[in-house]
């Protein structure tokens, strides 16, 4: 392996790059853990259905107001549940992408 003019394999610049990469990896891990702890809430049907999801993309709670339950229109209730859960998940993903995108080098923001 060829040695450079500084007497090492890669020299000071390579060591500096490795330190920066390690620091960035540690920051990303910390942000990931913080994002996993966040909770997102969304509602649908004018507040008839509400849900809470975690940053880990898990459904934590689902609340349905009694007046939303119409045995003759179960499909409407199902749609409201889907809308609320999907909106909460979208909000979590948006926050994750924005947060992780700030840390990523130029052009890599959409990678998370």
N, C-alpha and C. Protein backbone atom coordinates (compact mmCIF):
# COMPACT_ATOMS: atom_id res chain seq x y z
N UNK A 1 0.84 -1.17 0.00
CA UNK A 1 0.00 0.00 0.00
C UNK A 1 0.88 1.23 0.00
N UNK A 2 0.55 2.21 -0.80
CA UNK A 2 1.36 3.41 -0.92
C UNK A 2 1.16 4.32 0.29
N UNK A 3 2.26 4.88 0.75
CA UNK A 3 2.20 5.83 1.86
C UNK A 3 2.22 7.22 1.27
N UNK A 4 1.54 8.14 1.92
CA UNK A 4 1.54 9.50 1.40
C UNK A 4 2.70 10.28 2.00
N UNK A 5 2.80 11.54 1.66
CA UNK A 5 3.92 12.37 2.10
C UNK A 5 3.95 12.63 3.60
N UNK A 6 2.88 12.34 4.29
CA UNK A 6 2.82 12.58 5.73
C UNK A 6 3.24 11.35 6.52
N UNK A 7 3.61 10.27 5.85
CA UNK A 7 4.12 9.10 6.52
C UNK A 7 3.06 8.11 6.98
N UNK A 8 1.83 8.30 6.63
CA UNK A 8 0.77 7.38 7.06
C UNK A 8 -0.05 6.92 5.89
N UNK A 9 -1.00 6.08 6.16
CA UNK A 9 -1.91 5.60 5.13
C UNK A 9 -3.15 6.46 5.12
N UNK A 10 -3.13 7.57 4.46
CA UNK A 10 -4.28 8.46 4.42
C UNK A 10 -4.00 9.78 5.11
N UNK A 11 -3.08 9.80 6.04
CA UNK A 11 -2.66 11.04 6.68
C UNK A 11 -3.71 11.68 7.57
N UNK A 12 -3.41 12.90 7.99
CA UNK A 12 -4.29 13.61 8.92
C UNK A 12 -5.70 13.85 8.37
N UNK A 13 -5.81 14.10 7.08
CA UNK A 13 -7.14 14.35 6.51
C UNK A 13 -8.05 13.14 6.65
N UNK A 14 -7.51 11.95 6.46
CA UNK A 14 -8.30 10.73 6.58
C UNK A 14 -8.74 10.55 8.03
N UNK A 15 -7.86 10.80 8.97
CA UNK A 15 -8.21 10.67 10.38
C UNK A 15 -9.30 11.68 10.75
N UNK A 16 -9.17 12.88 10.24
CA UNK A 16 -10.17 13.92 10.51
C UNK A 16 -11.53 13.51 9.93
N UNK A 17 -11.52 12.99 8.71
CA UNK A 17 -12.76 12.53 8.09
C UNK A 17 -13.40 11.39 8.89
N UNK A 18 -12.58 10.49 9.39
CA UNK A 18 -13.10 9.38 10.18
C UNK A 18 -13.72 9.88 11.48
N UNK A 19 -13.09 10.86 12.12
CA UNK A 19 -13.64 11.43 13.36
C UNK A 19 -14.97 12.13 13.08
N UNK A 20 -15.02 12.87 11.98
CA UNK A 20 -16.26 13.56 11.61
C UNK A 20 -17.37 12.56 11.32
N UNK A 21 -17.04 11.49 10.61
CA UNK A 21 -18.03 10.46 10.29
C UNK A 21 -18.55 9.79 11.56
N UNK A 22 -17.64 9.50 12.50
CA UNK A 22 -18.05 8.88 13.76
C UNK A 22 -18.94 9.83 14.56
N UNK A 23 -18.59 11.11 14.59
CA UNK A 23 -19.39 12.09 15.31
C UNK A 23 -20.78 12.19 14.69
N UNK A 24 -20.85 12.21 13.37
CA UNK A 24 -22.13 12.29 12.68
C UNK A 24 -22.97 11.05 12.96
N UNK A 25 -22.34 9.90 12.98
CA UNK A 25 -23.06 8.67 13.27
C UNK A 25 -23.62 8.69 14.69
N UNK A 26 -22.87 9.19 15.64
CA UNK A 26 -23.34 9.30 17.02
C UNK A 26 -24.52 10.27 17.12
N UNK A 27 -24.43 11.39 16.41
CA UNK A 27 -25.53 12.37 16.40
C UNK A 27 -26.78 11.76 15.79
N UNK A 28 -26.62 11.02 14.70
CA UNK A 28 -27.77 10.41 14.04
C UNK A 28 -28.42 9.37 14.96
N UNK A 29 -27.61 8.60 15.68
CA UNK A 29 -28.14 7.61 16.60
C UNK A 29 -28.94 8.29 17.71
N UNK A 30 -28.41 9.39 18.24
CA UNK A 30 -29.09 10.12 19.31
C UNK A 30 -30.42 10.68 18.80
N UNK A 31 -30.40 11.27 17.60
CA UNK A 31 -31.64 11.81 17.02
C UNK A 31 -32.66 10.70 16.79
N UNK A 32 -32.19 9.56 16.31
CA UNK A 32 -33.08 8.42 16.06
C UNK A 32 -33.77 8.02 17.36
N UNK A 33 -33.03 7.94 18.43
CA UNK A 33 -33.60 7.57 19.72
C UNK A 33 -34.62 8.61 20.19
N UNK A 34 -34.31 9.89 20.00
CA UNK A 34 -35.24 10.95 20.38
C UNK A 34 -36.52 10.88 19.55
N UNK A 35 -36.37 10.65 18.25
CA UNK A 35 -37.54 10.55 17.37
C UNK A 35 -38.40 9.35 17.73
N UNK A 36 -37.78 8.25 18.13
CA UNK A 36 -38.54 7.06 18.51
C UNK A 36 -39.40 7.33 19.75
N UNK A 37 -39.01 8.27 20.59
CA UNK A 37 -39.75 8.58 21.82
C UNK A 37 -40.91 9.54 21.60
N UNK A 38 -40.95 10.21 20.46
CA UNK A 38 -42.01 11.18 20.20
C UNK A 38 -43.35 10.49 19.96
N UNK A 39 -44.42 11.25 20.18
CA UNK A 39 -45.77 10.76 19.91
C UNK A 39 -46.49 11.76 19.03
N UNK A 40 -47.34 11.25 18.14
CA UNK A 40 -48.08 12.08 17.20
C UNK A 40 -49.56 11.72 17.30
N UNK A 41 -50.39 12.75 17.33
CA UNK A 41 -51.83 12.56 17.46
C UNK A 41 -52.51 13.16 16.24
N UNK A 42 -53.57 12.50 15.78
CA UNK A 42 -54.36 13.01 14.66
C UNK A 42 -55.82 12.64 14.89
N UNK A 43 -56.70 13.42 14.26
CA UNK A 43 -58.14 13.16 14.36
C UNK A 43 -58.74 13.10 12.97
N UNK A 44 -59.93 12.52 12.90
CA UNK A 44 -60.68 12.46 11.64
C UNK A 44 -62.15 12.54 11.97
N UNK A 45 -62.95 12.85 10.94
CA UNK A 45 -64.39 12.91 11.13
C UNK A 45 -64.81 14.00 12.10
N UNK A 46 -64.12 15.14 12.05
CA UNK A 46 -64.47 16.24 12.95
C UNK A 46 -64.21 15.92 14.41
N UNK A 47 -63.20 15.10 14.67
CA UNK A 47 -62.86 14.75 16.04
C UNK A 47 -63.56 13.49 16.54
N UNK A 48 -64.31 12.84 15.69
CA UNK A 48 -65.02 11.63 16.09
C UNK A 48 -64.06 10.46 16.37
N UNK A 49 -62.94 10.47 15.64
CA UNK A 49 -61.94 9.42 15.82
C UNK A 49 -60.60 10.11 16.04
N UNK A 50 -59.88 9.68 17.05
CA UNK A 50 -58.53 10.21 17.28
C UNK A 50 -57.60 9.06 17.61
N UNK A 51 -56.34 9.25 17.25
CA UNK A 51 -55.36 8.20 17.54
C UNK A 51 -54.03 8.83 17.88
N UNK A 52 -53.19 8.02 18.47
CA UNK A 52 -51.83 8.44 18.83
C UNK A 52 -50.89 7.34 18.36
N UNK A 53 -49.81 7.74 17.66
CA UNK A 53 -48.79 6.79 17.23
C UNK A 53 -47.45 7.23 17.79
N UNK A 54 -46.54 6.28 17.90
CA UNK A 54 -45.20 6.58 18.39
C UNK A 54 -44.27 6.86 17.23
N UNK A 55 -43.11 7.40 17.55
CA UNK A 55 -42.08 7.61 16.55
C UNK A 55 -41.57 6.30 15.97
N UNK A 56 -41.86 5.20 16.64
CA UNK A 56 -41.49 3.87 16.15
C UNK A 56 -42.55 3.31 15.20
N UNK A 57 -43.53 4.16 14.88
CA UNK A 57 -44.61 3.80 13.95
C UNK A 57 -45.54 2.74 14.53
N UNK A 58 -45.81 2.83 15.83
CA UNK A 58 -46.73 1.91 16.49
C UNK A 58 -47.96 2.67 16.94
N UNK A 59 -49.12 2.07 16.76
CA UNK A 59 -50.37 2.67 17.21
C UNK A 59 -50.43 2.52 18.73
N UNK A 60 -50.51 3.66 19.44
CA UNK A 60 -50.52 3.65 20.90
C UNK A 60 -51.92 3.70 21.47
N UNK A 61 -52.79 4.49 20.82
CA UNK A 61 -54.17 4.57 21.30
C UNK A 61 -55.09 4.92 20.15
N UNK A 62 -56.34 4.54 20.34
CA UNK A 62 -57.37 4.82 19.35
C UNK A 62 -58.65 5.11 20.13
N UNK A 63 -59.21 6.29 19.92
CA UNK A 63 -60.44 6.67 20.60
C UNK A 63 -61.54 6.93 19.57
N UNK A 64 -62.70 6.36 19.83
CA UNK A 64 -63.85 6.51 18.94
C UNK A 64 -65.01 7.01 19.79
N UNK A 65 -65.55 8.16 19.42
CA UNK A 65 -66.70 8.69 20.16
C UNK A 65 -67.92 7.82 19.85
N UNK A 66 -68.74 7.57 20.86
CA UNK A 66 -69.90 6.69 20.66
C UNK A 66 -70.80 7.12 19.51
N UNK A 67 -70.96 8.42 19.31
CA UNK A 67 -71.83 8.88 18.23
C UNK A 67 -71.27 8.59 16.83
N UNK A 68 -69.99 8.17 16.77
CA UNK A 68 -69.39 7.81 15.48
C UNK A 68 -69.78 6.40 15.06
N UNK A 69 -70.29 5.64 16.00
CA UNK A 69 -70.62 4.24 15.72
C UNK A 69 -72.06 4.15 15.21
N UNK A 70 -72.17 3.86 13.93
CA UNK A 70 -73.47 3.66 13.29
C UNK A 70 -73.45 2.26 12.68
N UNK A 71 -74.19 1.33 13.26
CA UNK A 71 -74.16 -0.04 12.76
C UNK A 71 -74.54 -0.16 11.29
N UNK A 72 -75.25 0.84 10.78
CA UNK A 72 -75.64 0.80 9.37
C UNK A 72 -74.57 1.40 8.45
N UNK A 73 -73.53 1.98 9.05
CA UNK A 73 -72.48 2.61 8.23
C UNK A 73 -71.10 2.34 8.84
N UNK A 74 -70.76 1.08 8.97
CA UNK A 74 -69.46 0.67 9.52
C UNK A 74 -68.33 1.16 8.62
N UNK A 75 -68.59 1.21 7.34
CA UNK A 75 -67.56 1.64 6.38
C UNK A 75 -67.08 3.06 6.67
N UNK A 76 -67.98 3.95 7.05
CA UNK A 76 -67.60 5.32 7.38
C UNK A 76 -66.67 5.33 8.60
N UNK A 77 -66.95 4.55 9.59
CA UNK A 77 -66.10 4.46 10.78
C UNK A 77 -64.72 3.92 10.40
N UNK A 78 -64.70 2.91 9.59
CA UNK A 78 -63.42 2.35 9.13
C UNK A 78 -62.60 3.41 8.40
N UNK A 79 -63.24 4.18 7.55
CA UNK A 79 -62.55 5.24 6.81
C UNK A 79 -61.97 6.30 7.75
N UNK A 80 -62.74 6.66 8.78
CA UNK A 80 -62.26 7.66 9.73
C UNK A 80 -61.05 7.14 10.51
N UNK A 81 -61.10 5.87 10.88
CA UNK A 81 -59.97 5.27 11.60
C UNK A 81 -58.72 5.28 10.72
N UNK A 82 -58.88 4.82 9.50
CA UNK A 82 -57.74 4.82 8.57
C UNK A 82 -57.18 6.23 8.36
N UNK A 83 -58.07 7.20 8.19
CA UNK A 83 -57.62 8.57 7.95
C UNK A 83 -56.83 9.10 9.15
N UNK A 84 -57.32 8.87 10.35
CA UNK A 84 -56.63 9.36 11.54
C UNK A 84 -55.27 8.69 11.72
N UNK A 85 -55.22 7.38 11.59
CA UNK A 85 -53.96 6.66 11.77
C UNK A 85 -52.95 7.07 10.71
N UNK A 86 -53.39 7.13 9.47
CA UNK A 86 -52.47 7.51 8.39
C UNK A 86 -51.95 8.93 8.56
N UNK A 87 -52.79 9.84 9.00
CA UNK A 87 -52.34 11.22 9.20
C UNK A 87 -51.30 11.29 10.32
N UNK A 88 -51.52 10.58 11.40
CA UNK A 88 -50.54 10.57 12.50
C UNK A 88 -49.22 9.97 12.03
N UNK A 89 -49.26 8.91 11.25
CA UNK A 89 -48.04 8.29 10.73
C UNK A 89 -47.31 9.23 9.78
N UNK A 90 -48.07 9.94 8.92
CA UNK A 90 -47.46 10.91 8.00
C UNK A 90 -46.75 12.02 8.78
N UNK A 91 -47.39 12.50 9.83
CA UNK A 91 -46.79 13.56 10.64
C UNK A 91 -45.48 13.08 11.27
N UNK A 92 -45.48 11.85 11.75
CA UNK A 92 -44.25 11.29 12.31
C UNK A 92 -43.15 11.17 11.27
N UNK A 93 -43.50 10.71 10.09
CA UNK A 93 -42.50 10.58 9.01
C UNK A 93 -41.96 11.94 8.58
N UNK A 94 -42.84 12.91 8.50
CA UNK A 94 -42.42 14.26 8.12
C UNK A 94 -41.42 14.81 9.13
N UNK A 95 -41.71 14.65 10.40
CA UNK A 95 -40.81 15.12 11.45
C UNK A 95 -39.48 14.38 11.37
N UNK A 96 -39.53 13.06 11.17
CA UNK A 96 -38.31 12.26 11.08
C UNK A 96 -37.44 12.72 9.90
N UNK A 97 -38.05 12.92 8.74
CA UNK A 97 -37.28 13.34 7.57
C UNK A 97 -36.68 14.73 7.75
N UNK A 98 -37.46 15.65 8.32
CA UNK A 98 -36.95 17.00 8.55
C UNK A 98 -35.80 16.99 9.55
N UNK A 99 -35.95 16.24 10.62
CA UNK A 99 -34.93 16.21 11.65
C UNK A 99 -33.65 15.55 11.15
N UNK A 100 -33.77 14.39 10.54
CA UNK A 100 -32.60 13.67 10.06
C UNK A 100 -31.99 14.39 8.85
N UNK A 101 -32.80 15.05 8.06
CA UNK A 101 -32.30 15.77 6.89
C UNK A 101 -31.39 16.93 7.27
N UNK A 102 -31.61 17.52 8.42
CA UNK A 102 -30.74 18.61 8.88
C UNK A 102 -29.34 18.12 9.17
N UNK A 103 -29.21 16.87 9.54
CA UNK A 103 -27.91 16.32 9.90
C UNK A 103 -27.16 15.77 8.70
N UNK A 104 -27.89 15.28 7.71
CA UNK A 104 -27.26 14.62 6.57
C UNK A 104 -26.53 15.63 5.68
N UNK A 105 -25.41 15.20 5.10
CA UNK A 105 -24.71 16.07 4.16
C UNK A 105 -25.60 16.40 2.95
N UNK A 106 -25.31 17.48 2.27
CA UNK A 106 -26.11 17.93 1.14
C UNK A 106 -26.50 16.81 0.20
N UNK A 107 -27.80 16.82 -0.16
CA UNK A 107 -28.29 15.85 -1.12
C UNK A 107 -28.70 14.51 -0.54
N UNK A 108 -28.51 14.30 0.77
CA UNK A 108 -28.85 13.01 1.36
C UNK A 108 -30.05 13.09 2.28
N UNK A 109 -30.70 14.25 2.35
CA UNK A 109 -31.82 14.45 3.28
C UNK A 109 -32.97 13.50 3.09
N UNK A 110 -33.27 13.09 1.86
CA UNK A 110 -34.40 12.22 1.62
C UNK A 110 -34.12 10.76 1.90
N UNK A 111 -32.95 10.44 2.39
CA UNK A 111 -32.54 9.08 2.59
C UNK A 111 -33.19 8.45 3.82
N UNK A 112 -33.79 9.25 4.71
CA UNK A 112 -34.37 8.72 5.94
C UNK A 112 -35.86 8.73 5.83
